[in-house]
């Protein structure tokens, strides 16, 4: 989303999550890899799909929307 940000001093804020599916337990100390794909941009809303991986295995999948906001 950084390339869509008008300035560098904004952060993404999740506004909606849909189709969340948990496949594998994530335990304290696990390292997660998040693979997110930007599907669509409508005005100031960004629609994405994400896969959360643990040790190369799918732990969760979700569709979500976010917007960019000031960190204050």
C-alpha atoms as a PDB file:
ATOM      1  CA  UNK A   1       0.000   0.000   0.000  1.00  0.00           C
ATOM      2  CA  UNK A   2       2.992   2.281   0.381  1.00  0.00           C
ATOM      3  CA  UNK A   3       2.897   3.192  -3.305  1.00  0.00           C
ATOM      4  CA  UNK A   4      -0.723   4.380  -2.912  1.00  0.00           C
ATOM      5  CA  UNK A   5      -0.026   6.524   0.173  1.00  0.00           C
ATOM      6  CA  UNK A   6      -0.122  10.291  -0.400  1.00  0.00           C
ATOM      7  CA  UNK A   7       2.600  10.734   2.267  1.00  0.00           C
ATOM      8  CA  UNK A   8       4.906   8.442   4.210  1.00  0.00           C
ATOM      9  CA  UNK A   9       3.333   9.293   7.581  1.00  0.00           C
ATOM     10  CA  UNK A  10       0.197   7.126   7.291  1.00  0.00           C
ATOM     11  CA  UNK A  11      -0.520   3.607   8.498  1.00  0.00           C
ATOM     12  CA  UNK A  12      -2.932   0.980   7.162  1.00  0.00           C
ATOM     13  CA  UNK A  13      -5.980   0.381   9.381  1.00  0.00           C
ATOM     14  CA  UNK A  14      -8.145  -2.719   8.885  1.00  0.00           C
ATOM     15  CA  UNK A  15     -11.794  -1.773   8.424  1.00  0.00           C
ATOM     16  CA  UNK A  16     -13.359  -5.122   7.530  1.00  0.00           C
ATOM     17  CA  UNK A  17     -12.471  -8.829   7.530  1.00  0.00           C
ATOM     18  CA  UNK A  18     -14.401 -11.493   5.658  1.00  0.00           C
ATOM     19  CA  UNK A  19     -14.060 -15.201   4.983  1.00  0.00           C
ATOM     20  CA  UNK A  20     -11.526 -15.700   7.771  1.00  0.00           C
ATOM     21  CA  UNK A  21     -10.474 -19.354   7.939  1.00  0.00           C
ATOM     22  CA  UNK A  22      -8.077 -20.721  10.537  1.00  0.00           C
ATOM     23  CA  UNK A  23      -6.277 -23.876   9.385  1.00  0.00           C
ATOM     24  CA  UNK A  24      -3.364 -24.309  11.795  1.00  0.00           C
ATOM     25  CA  UNK A  25      -2.594 -23.174  15.328  1.00  0.00           C
ATOM     26  CA  UNK A  26      -0.055 -20.360  15.664  1.00  0.00           C
ATOM     27  CA  UNK A  27       1.837 -20.774  18.920  1.00  0.00           C
ATOM     28  CA  UNK A  28       3.970 -18.313  20.896  1.00  0.00           C
ATOM     29  CA  UNK A  29       7.431 -18.219  19.359  1.00  0.00           C
ATOM     30  CA  UNK A  30       6.226 -19.211  15.863  1.00  0.00           C
ATOM     31  CA  UNK A  31       7.347 -17.021  12.992  1.00  0.00           C
ATOM     32  CA  UNK A  32       4.572 -16.098  10.589  1.00  0.00           C
ATOM     33  CA  UNK A  33       4.861 -15.028   6.969  1.00  0.00           C
ATOM     34  CA  UNK A  34       2.047 -12.859   5.651  1.00  0.00           C
ATOM     35  CA  UNK A  35       1.430 -12.895   1.905  1.00  0.00           C
ATOM     36  CA  UNK A  36      -1.040 -10.164   0.923  1.00  0.00           C
ATOM     37  CA  UNK A  37      -2.411  -9.434  -2.539  1.00  0.00           C
ATOM     38  CA  UNK A  38      -4.042  -6.119  -3.402  1.00  0.00           C
ATOM     39  CA  UNK A  39      -7.222  -6.976  -5.320  1.00  0.00           C
ATOM     40  CA  UNK A  40      -8.915  -3.617  -5.795  1.00  0.00           C
ATOM     41  CA  UNK A  41      -8.768   0.057  -4.849  1.00  0.00           C
ATOM     42  CA  UNK A  42     -12.025   1.996  -4.533  1.00  0.00           C
ATOM     43  CA  UNK A  43     -11.553   5.608  -3.506  1.00  0.00           C
ATOM     44  CA  UNK A  44      -9.700   5.409  -0.157  1.00  0.00           C
ATOM     45  CA  UNK A  45     -10.548   1.720   0.447  1.00  0.00           C
ATOM     46  CA  UNK A  46      -8.088  -1.066  -0.337  1.00  0.00           C
ATOM     47  CA  UNK A  47      -9.346  -4.642  -0.718  1.00  0.00           C
ATOM     48  CA  UNK A  48      -6.856  -7.433  -0.139  1.00  0.00           C
ATOM     49  CA  UNK A  49      -6.533 -11.186   0.266  1.00  0.00           C
ATOM     50  CA  UNK A  50      -3.983 -12.554   2.727  1.00  0.00           C
ATOM     51  CA  UNK A  51      -2.482 -15.930   3.540  1.00  0.00           C
ATOM     52  CA  UNK A  52      -0.703 -16.429   6.855  1.00  0.00           C
ATOM     53  CA  UNK A  53       1.931 -19.160   6.740  1.00  0.00           C
ATOM     54  CA  UNK A  54       3.747 -20.948   9.585  1.00  0.00           C
ATOM     55  CA  UNK A  55       6.709 -23.180   8.712  1.00  0.00           C
ATOM     56  CA  UNK A  56       5.598 -23.166   5.075  1.00  0.00           C
ATOM     57  CA  UNK A  57       2.065 -24.340   5.897  1.00  0.00           C
ATOM     58  CA  UNK A  58      -1.151 -22.353   5.613  1.00  0.00           C
ATOM     59  CA  UNK A  59      -2.299 -21.187   9.057  1.00  0.00           C
ATOM     60  CA  UNK A  60      -5.047 -18.750   8.040  1.00  0.00           C
ATOM     61  CA  UNK A  61      -6.631 -17.080   5.039  1.00  0.00           C
ATOM     62  CA  UNK A  62      -8.790 -13.961   4.877  1.00  0.00           C
ATOM     63  CA  UNK A  63     -10.168 -11.213   2.695  1.00  0.00           C
ATOM     64  CA  UNK A  64      -9.966  -7.774   4.249  1.00  0.00           C
ATOM     65  CA  UNK A  65     -10.315  -4.082   3.580  1.00  0.00           C
ATOM     66  CA  UNK A  66      -8.259  -1.254   4.947  1.00  0.00           C
ATOM     67  CA  UNK A  67      -7.754   2.464   4.645  1.00  0.00           C
ATOM     68  CA  UNK A  68      -4.786   4.721   5.316  1.00  0.00           C
ATOM     69  CA  UNK A  69      -4.861   6.924   8.422  1.00  0.00           C
ATOM     70  CA  UNK A  70      -2.621   9.224  10.406  1.00  0.00           C
ATOM     71  CA  UNK A  71      -0.944   7.360  13.300  1.00  0.00           C
ATOM     72  CA  UNK A  72      -2.180  10.004  15.764  1.00  0.00           C
END
